[in-house]
N, C-alpha and C. Protein backbone atom coordinates (compact mmCIF):
# COMPACT_ATOMS: atom_id res chain seq x y z
N UNK A 1 197.97 115.04 80.41
CA UNK A 1 197.98 114.35 81.67
C UNK A 1 198.08 112.85 81.49
N UNK A 2 197.52 112.37 80.42
CA UNK A 2 197.57 110.94 80.17
C UNK A 2 199.00 110.49 79.94
N UNK A 3 199.80 111.36 79.32
CA UNK A 3 201.19 111.00 79.08
C UNK A 3 201.97 110.93 80.39
N UNK A 4 201.66 111.82 81.32
CA UNK A 4 202.36 111.81 82.61
C UNK A 4 202.02 110.55 83.40
N UNK A 5 200.76 110.11 83.35
CA UNK A 5 200.34 108.89 84.06
C UNK A 5 201.03 107.66 83.49
N UNK A 6 201.13 107.59 82.19
CA UNK A 6 201.76 106.42 81.57
C UNK A 6 203.26 106.42 81.87
N UNK A 7 203.90 107.62 81.93
CA UNK A 7 205.32 107.69 82.27
C UNK A 7 205.55 107.22 83.70
N UNK A 8 204.64 107.62 84.61
CA UNK A 8 204.78 107.20 86.01
C UNK A 8 204.61 105.70 86.15
N UNK A 9 203.69 105.13 85.39
CA UNK A 9 203.47 103.68 85.43
C UNK A 9 204.70 102.95 84.92
N UNK A 10 205.30 103.44 83.87
CA UNK A 10 206.50 102.80 83.32
C UNK A 10 207.65 102.85 84.33
N UNK A 11 207.79 104.00 85.03
CA UNK A 11 208.84 104.12 86.04
C UNK A 11 208.60 103.13 87.18
N UNK A 12 207.33 102.97 87.58
CA UNK A 12 207.00 102.06 88.68
C UNK A 12 207.31 100.63 88.26
N UNK A 13 206.96 100.28 87.01
CA UNK A 13 207.24 98.91 86.52
C UNK A 13 208.73 98.65 86.47
N UNK A 14 209.51 99.62 85.96
CA UNK A 14 210.97 99.45 85.87
C UNK A 14 211.56 99.31 87.28
N UNK A 15 211.07 100.11 88.18
CA UNK A 15 211.57 100.07 89.55
C UNK A 15 211.25 98.71 90.20
N UNK A 16 210.03 98.19 89.94
CA UNK A 16 209.62 96.89 90.50
C UNK A 16 210.55 95.79 90.01
N UNK A 17 210.82 95.76 88.70
CA UNK A 17 211.65 94.69 88.17
C UNK A 17 213.10 94.82 88.65
N UNK A 18 213.59 96.04 88.84
CA UNK A 18 214.94 96.22 89.37
C UNK A 18 215.02 95.69 90.80
N UNK A 19 213.99 96.00 91.61
CA UNK A 19 213.96 95.51 93.00
C UNK A 19 213.83 93.98 93.04
N UNK A 20 213.04 93.47 92.13
CA UNK A 20 212.84 92.02 92.07
C UNK A 20 214.16 91.32 91.76
N UNK A 21 214.90 91.85 90.79
CA UNK A 21 216.19 91.27 90.39
C UNK A 21 217.20 91.37 91.54
N UNK A 22 217.17 92.47 92.27
CA UNK A 22 218.08 92.66 93.40
C UNK A 22 217.78 91.64 94.50
N UNK A 23 216.52 91.39 94.75
CA UNK A 23 216.13 90.41 95.79
C UNK A 23 216.53 89.00 95.38
N UNK A 24 216.39 88.66 94.11
CA UNK A 24 216.79 87.33 93.65
C UNK A 24 218.30 87.12 93.79
N UNK A 25 219.09 88.20 93.67
CA UNK A 25 220.55 88.09 93.85
C UNK A 25 220.89 87.82 95.31
N UNK A 26 220.04 88.25 96.25
CA UNK A 26 220.29 88.03 97.67
C UNK A 26 219.97 86.61 98.11
N UNK A 27 219.18 85.88 97.31
CA UNK A 27 218.76 84.52 97.68
C UNK A 27 219.97 83.59 97.65
N UNK A 28 220.07 82.74 98.67
CA UNK A 28 221.12 81.72 98.69
C UNK A 28 220.52 80.46 98.10
N UNK A 29 220.94 80.15 96.90
CA UNK A 29 220.41 78.99 96.19
C UNK A 29 221.12 77.73 96.67
N UNK A 30 220.35 76.60 96.73
CA UNK A 30 221.02 75.36 97.16
C UNK A 30 221.95 74.83 96.07
N UNK A 31 222.98 74.12 96.56
CA UNK A 31 223.89 73.48 95.61
C UNK A 31 223.17 72.27 95.01
N UNK A 32 223.65 71.76 93.89
CA UNK A 32 223.01 70.58 93.31
C UNK A 32 222.95 69.40 94.29
N UNK A 33 223.98 69.24 95.13
CA UNK A 33 223.97 68.15 96.10
C UNK A 33 222.87 68.37 97.14
N UNK A 34 222.73 69.62 97.64
CA UNK A 34 221.66 69.92 98.60
C UNK A 34 220.29 69.73 97.96
N UNK A 35 220.16 70.10 96.70
CA UNK A 35 218.89 69.96 95.99
C UNK A 35 218.49 68.48 95.90
N UNK A 36 219.45 67.62 95.58
CA UNK A 36 219.16 66.18 95.48
C UNK A 36 218.79 65.63 96.85
N UNK A 37 219.57 66.01 97.89
CA UNK A 37 219.29 65.51 99.24
C UNK A 37 217.90 65.96 99.73
N UNK A 38 217.56 67.20 99.49
CA UNK A 38 216.25 67.70 99.92
C UNK A 38 215.11 67.03 99.14
N UNK A 39 215.35 66.81 97.86
CA UNK A 39 214.33 66.15 97.04
C UNK A 39 214.11 64.71 97.53
N UNK A 40 215.20 64.02 97.83
CA UNK A 40 215.09 62.64 98.34
C UNK A 40 214.36 62.64 99.68
N UNK A 41 214.66 63.60 100.54
CA UNK A 41 214.00 63.67 101.84
C UNK A 41 212.50 63.89 101.68
N UNK A 42 212.11 64.78 100.78
CA UNK A 42 210.68 65.07 100.57
C UNK A 42 209.97 63.85 100.01
N UNK A 43 210.57 63.21 99.01
CA UNK A 43 209.94 62.02 98.41
C UNK A 43 209.83 60.91 99.44
N UNK A 44 210.85 60.72 100.27
CA UNK A 44 210.82 59.68 101.31
C UNK A 44 209.69 59.95 102.32
N UNK A 45 209.57 61.18 102.75
CA UNK A 45 208.51 61.52 103.71
C UNK A 45 207.13 61.30 103.09
N UNK A 46 206.98 61.65 101.82
CA UNK A 46 205.70 61.44 101.14
C UNK A 46 205.38 59.95 101.06
N UNK A 47 206.37 59.12 100.73
CA UNK A 47 206.14 57.67 100.64
C UNK A 47 205.79 57.08 102.01
N UNK A 48 206.50 57.50 103.05
CA UNK A 48 206.21 57.01 104.40
C UNK A 48 204.79 57.41 104.82
N UNK A 49 204.43 58.66 104.57
CA UNK A 49 203.08 59.13 104.92
C UNK A 49 202.02 58.35 104.14
N UNK A 50 202.28 58.09 102.87
CA UNK A 50 201.35 57.30 102.06
C UNK A 50 201.19 55.89 102.62
N UNK A 51 202.30 55.27 103.04
CA UNK A 51 202.24 53.93 103.61
C UNK A 51 201.44 53.93 104.91
N UNK A 52 201.64 54.93 105.75
CA UNK A 52 200.91 54.99 107.02
C UNK A 52 199.41 55.15 106.76
N UNK A 53 199.05 56.03 105.84
CA UNK A 53 197.63 56.23 105.53
C UNK A 53 197.03 54.96 104.95
N UNK A 54 197.77 54.26 104.08
CA UNK A 54 197.28 53.01 103.49
C UNK A 54 197.05 51.95 104.56
N UNK A 55 198.02 51.80 105.47
CA UNK A 55 197.88 50.81 106.55
C UNK A 55 196.68 51.15 107.43
N UNK A 56 196.53 52.41 107.79
CA UNK A 56 195.38 52.81 108.61
C UNK A 56 194.06 52.55 107.87
N UNK A 57 194.05 52.81 106.59
CA UNK A 57 192.84 52.57 105.79
C UNK A 57 192.49 51.08 105.79
N UNK A 58 193.48 50.23 105.60
CA UNK A 58 193.23 48.78 105.58
C UNK A 58 192.77 48.31 106.96
N UNK A 59 193.39 48.79 108.01
CA UNK A 59 193.02 48.39 109.38
C UNK A 59 191.59 48.82 109.69
N UNK A 60 191.26 50.06 109.39
CA UNK A 60 189.90 50.54 109.67
C UNK A 60 188.87 49.81 108.81
N UNK A 61 189.23 49.50 107.57
CA UNK A 61 188.32 48.74 106.72
C UNK A 61 188.10 47.34 107.28
N UNK A 62 189.17 46.70 107.73
CA UNK A 62 189.07 45.38 108.34
C UNK A 62 188.21 45.43 109.60
N UNK A 63 188.45 46.44 110.44
CA UNK A 63 187.65 46.58 111.66
C UNK A 63 186.18 46.83 111.32
N UNK A 64 185.95 47.59 110.29
CA UNK A 64 184.58 47.90 109.90
C UNK A 64 183.87 46.65 109.39
N UNK A 65 184.57 45.86 108.59
CA UNK A 65 183.94 44.65 108.03
C UNK A 65 183.72 43.58 109.09
N UNK A 66 184.72 43.32 109.89
CA UNK A 66 184.67 42.18 110.80
C UNK A 66 184.41 42.56 112.25
N UNK A 67 184.95 43.65 112.69
CA UNK A 67 184.81 44.02 114.09
C UNK A 67 183.48 44.68 114.39
N UNK A 68 183.23 45.80 113.76
CA UNK A 68 182.03 46.58 114.06
C UNK A 68 180.78 45.85 113.59
N UNK A 69 180.85 45.20 112.43
CA UNK A 69 179.69 44.46 111.92
C UNK A 69 179.30 43.33 112.88
N UNK A 70 180.31 42.64 113.40
CA UNK A 70 180.01 41.57 114.35
C UNK A 70 179.42 42.12 115.63
N UNK A 71 179.94 43.24 116.09
CA UNK A 71 179.38 43.86 117.29
C UNK A 71 177.94 44.28 117.04
N UNK A 72 177.67 44.85 115.87
CA UNK A 72 176.31 45.24 115.53
C UNK A 72 175.40 44.02 115.47
N UNK A 73 175.87 42.93 114.89
CA UNK A 73 175.07 41.71 114.82
C UNK A 73 174.77 41.17 116.22
N UNK A 74 175.76 41.18 117.09
CA UNK A 74 175.55 40.70 118.46
C UNK A 74 174.53 41.56 119.18
N UNK A 75 174.68 42.87 119.05
CA UNK A 75 173.74 43.79 119.71
C UNK A 75 172.35 43.60 119.14
N UNK A 76 172.23 43.50 117.82
CA UNK A 76 170.92 43.31 117.20
C UNK A 76 170.29 41.99 117.63
N UNK A 77 171.10 40.93 117.71
CA UNK A 77 170.55 39.65 118.13
C UNK A 77 170.09 39.71 119.58
N UNK A 78 170.82 40.42 120.44
CA UNK A 78 170.41 40.57 121.83
C UNK A 78 169.08 41.32 121.92
N UNK A 79 168.96 42.40 121.15
CA UNK A 79 167.71 43.17 121.17
C UNK A 79 166.58 42.34 120.59
N UNK A 80 166.86 41.56 119.55
CA UNK A 80 165.82 40.72 118.96
C UNK A 80 165.37 39.65 119.94
N UNK A 81 166.32 39.08 120.71
CA UNK A 81 165.94 38.09 121.71
C UNK A 81 165.06 38.73 122.78
N UNK A 82 165.44 39.93 123.21
CA UNK A 82 164.64 40.63 124.23
C UNK A 82 163.27 40.98 123.66
N UNK A 83 163.23 41.43 122.40
CA UNK A 83 161.95 41.75 121.78
C UNK A 83 161.10 40.49 121.64
N UNK A 84 161.74 39.36 121.26
CA UNK A 84 161.02 38.11 121.11
C UNK A 84 160.50 37.65 122.46
N UNK A 85 161.34 37.74 123.49
CA UNK A 85 160.90 37.35 124.83
C UNK A 85 159.75 38.23 125.30
N UNK A 86 159.87 39.51 125.06
CA UNK A 86 158.81 40.44 125.46
C UNK A 86 157.54 40.13 124.68
N UNK A 87 157.68 39.86 123.39
CA UNK A 87 156.52 39.54 122.56
C UNK A 87 155.89 38.23 123.01
N UNK A 88 156.75 37.23 123.32
CA UNK A 88 156.23 35.95 123.78
C UNK A 88 155.51 36.12 125.12
N UNK A 89 156.08 36.93 126.02
CA UNK A 89 155.43 37.15 127.31
C UNK A 89 154.10 37.85 127.11
N UNK A 90 154.07 38.83 126.21
CA UNK A 90 152.81 39.53 125.93
C UNK A 90 151.81 38.57 125.31
N UNK A 91 152.28 37.69 124.41
CA UNK A 91 151.39 36.73 123.78
C UNK A 91 150.87 35.74 124.81
N UNK A 92 151.76 35.30 125.72
CA UNK A 92 151.32 34.37 126.77
C UNK A 92 150.28 35.03 127.66
N UNK A 93 150.51 36.30 128.01
CA UNK A 93 149.55 37.01 128.85
C UNK A 93 148.22 37.17 128.11
N UNK A 94 148.29 37.48 126.82
CA UNK A 94 147.06 37.63 126.05
C UNK A 94 146.34 36.29 125.94
N UNK A 95 147.13 35.22 125.71
CA UNK A 95 146.51 33.89 125.62
C UNK A 95 145.87 33.51 126.95
N UNK A 96 146.54 33.84 128.05
CA UNK A 96 145.97 33.53 129.36
C UNK A 96 144.69 34.32 129.57
N UNK A 97 144.73 35.60 129.21
CA UNK A 97 143.53 36.43 129.34
C UNK A 97 142.43 35.92 128.41
N UNK A 98 142.79 35.53 127.22
CA UNK A 98 141.81 35.03 126.27
C UNK A 98 141.23 33.71 126.77
N UNK A 99 142.09 32.86 127.32
CA UNK A 99 141.62 31.58 127.85
C UNK A 99 140.67 31.82 129.00
N UNK A 100 141.02 32.73 129.91
CA UNK A 100 140.15 33.04 131.03
C UNK A 100 138.83 33.58 130.52
N UNK A 101 138.91 34.48 129.57
CA UNK A 101 137.70 35.08 129.03
C UNK A 101 136.89 34.03 128.29
N UNK A 102 137.57 33.18 127.51
CA UNK A 102 136.86 32.13 126.79
C UNK A 102 136.24 31.14 127.76
N UNK A 103 136.95 30.86 128.85
CA UNK A 103 136.41 29.94 129.85
C UNK A 103 135.13 30.49 130.44
N UNK A 104 135.11 31.78 130.74
CA UNK A 104 133.91 32.40 131.26
C UNK A 104 132.82 32.38 130.21
N UNK A 105 133.20 32.67 128.98
CA UNK A 105 132.22 32.65 127.90
C UNK A 105 131.71 31.24 127.67
N UNK A 106 132.59 30.27 127.81
CA UNK A 106 132.18 28.88 127.62
C UNK A 106 131.17 28.49 128.68
N UNK A 107 131.43 28.89 129.93
CA UNK A 107 130.48 28.58 130.99
C UNK A 107 129.15 29.24 130.71
N UNK A 108 129.20 30.49 130.29
CA UNK A 108 127.97 31.21 129.99
C UNK A 108 127.25 30.55 128.83
N UNK A 109 128.04 30.17 127.82
CA UNK A 109 127.44 29.51 126.66
C UNK A 109 126.83 28.19 127.06
N UNK A 110 127.51 27.46 127.93
CA UNK A 110 126.96 26.19 128.38
C UNK A 110 125.65 26.43 129.12
N UNK A 111 125.59 27.45 129.97
CA UNK A 111 124.36 27.77 130.67
C UNK A 111 123.26 28.14 129.68
N UNK A 112 123.61 28.92 128.68
CA UNK A 112 122.61 29.31 127.69
C UNK A 112 122.15 28.10 126.90
N UNK A 113 123.09 27.20 126.56
CA UNK A 113 122.72 26.01 125.80
C UNK A 113 121.78 25.13 126.61
N UNK A 114 122.03 25.02 127.90
CA UNK A 114 121.16 24.17 128.71
C UNK A 114 119.78 24.81 128.80
N UNK A 115 119.71 26.15 128.87
CA UNK A 115 118.40 26.80 128.89
C UNK A 115 117.72 26.62 127.56
N UNK A 116 118.47 26.76 126.46
CA UNK A 116 117.89 26.59 125.14
C UNK A 116 117.40 25.16 124.95
N UNK A 117 118.15 24.22 125.45
CA UNK A 117 117.76 22.82 125.31
C UNK A 117 116.47 22.56 126.08
N UNK A 118 116.36 23.12 127.27
CA UNK A 118 115.15 22.87 128.06
C UNK A 118 113.95 23.55 127.41
N UNK A 119 114.14 24.67 126.78
CA UNK A 119 113.00 25.32 126.14
C UNK A 119 112.71 24.70 124.79
N UNK A 120 113.70 24.00 124.21
CA UNK A 120 113.48 23.36 122.91
C UNK A 120 112.99 21.93 123.07
N UNK A 121 112.80 21.50 124.29
CA UNK A 121 112.33 20.13 124.48
C UNK A 121 110.96 19.98 123.83
N UNK A 122 110.70 18.81 123.40
CA UNK A 122 109.42 18.56 122.74
C UNK A 122 108.29 18.73 123.76
N UNK A 123 107.28 19.47 123.41
CA UNK A 123 106.16 19.64 124.34
C UNK A 123 105.44 18.32 124.56
N UNK A 124 104.80 18.25 125.67
CA UNK A 124 104.04 17.03 125.98
C UNK A 124 102.98 16.84 124.92
N UNK A 125 102.57 15.59 124.73
CA UNK A 125 101.65 15.28 123.64
C UNK A 125 100.32 15.96 123.81
N UNK A 126 99.91 16.16 124.97
CA UNK A 126 98.61 16.77 125.17
C UNK A 126 98.64 18.27 125.01
N UNK A 127 99.82 18.87 125.09
CA UNK A 127 99.92 20.32 125.03
C UNK A 127 100.23 20.83 123.64
N UNK A 128 100.28 19.94 122.64
CA UNK A 128 100.62 20.37 121.32
C UNK A 128 99.52 21.18 120.72
N UNK A 129 99.92 22.22 120.03
CA UNK A 129 98.92 22.99 119.31
C UNK A 129 99.24 22.90 117.85
N UNK A 130 98.22 22.57 117.06
CA UNK A 130 98.40 22.49 115.61
C UNK A 130 97.77 23.68 114.97
N UNK A 131 98.50 24.36 114.18
CA UNK A 131 97.91 25.51 113.53
C UNK A 131 96.91 25.10 112.46
N UNK A 132 96.82 23.86 112.10
CA UNK A 132 95.94 23.42 111.03
C UNK A 132 94.55 23.38 111.46
């Protein structure tokens, strides 16, 4: 049986190559002039496509370096100004609140100091007590 299988495989291979050769005979091959013209057309299209991609790459790189970066800087500076203004307003409000609070504390401290001063006054000479 092994011999029959190998014979069938050989017949299939021979048949394949015969069909392959027959199909290649049916192909219409280009003339040397057509081959040169088609090759020139393909190379020209490849060069044009390469030039277009290169130009687009340079343009996008230029836009990225100078256009988009500048836009980002402008936007960042605007946000920083708004953040600074907001921070300054918050600081001013805090300073105002602190000043108001300190003013109240100062008044209270002044009242306490005046009470402390009156209690720290030197006692009258007759009211002195000596622990000795």
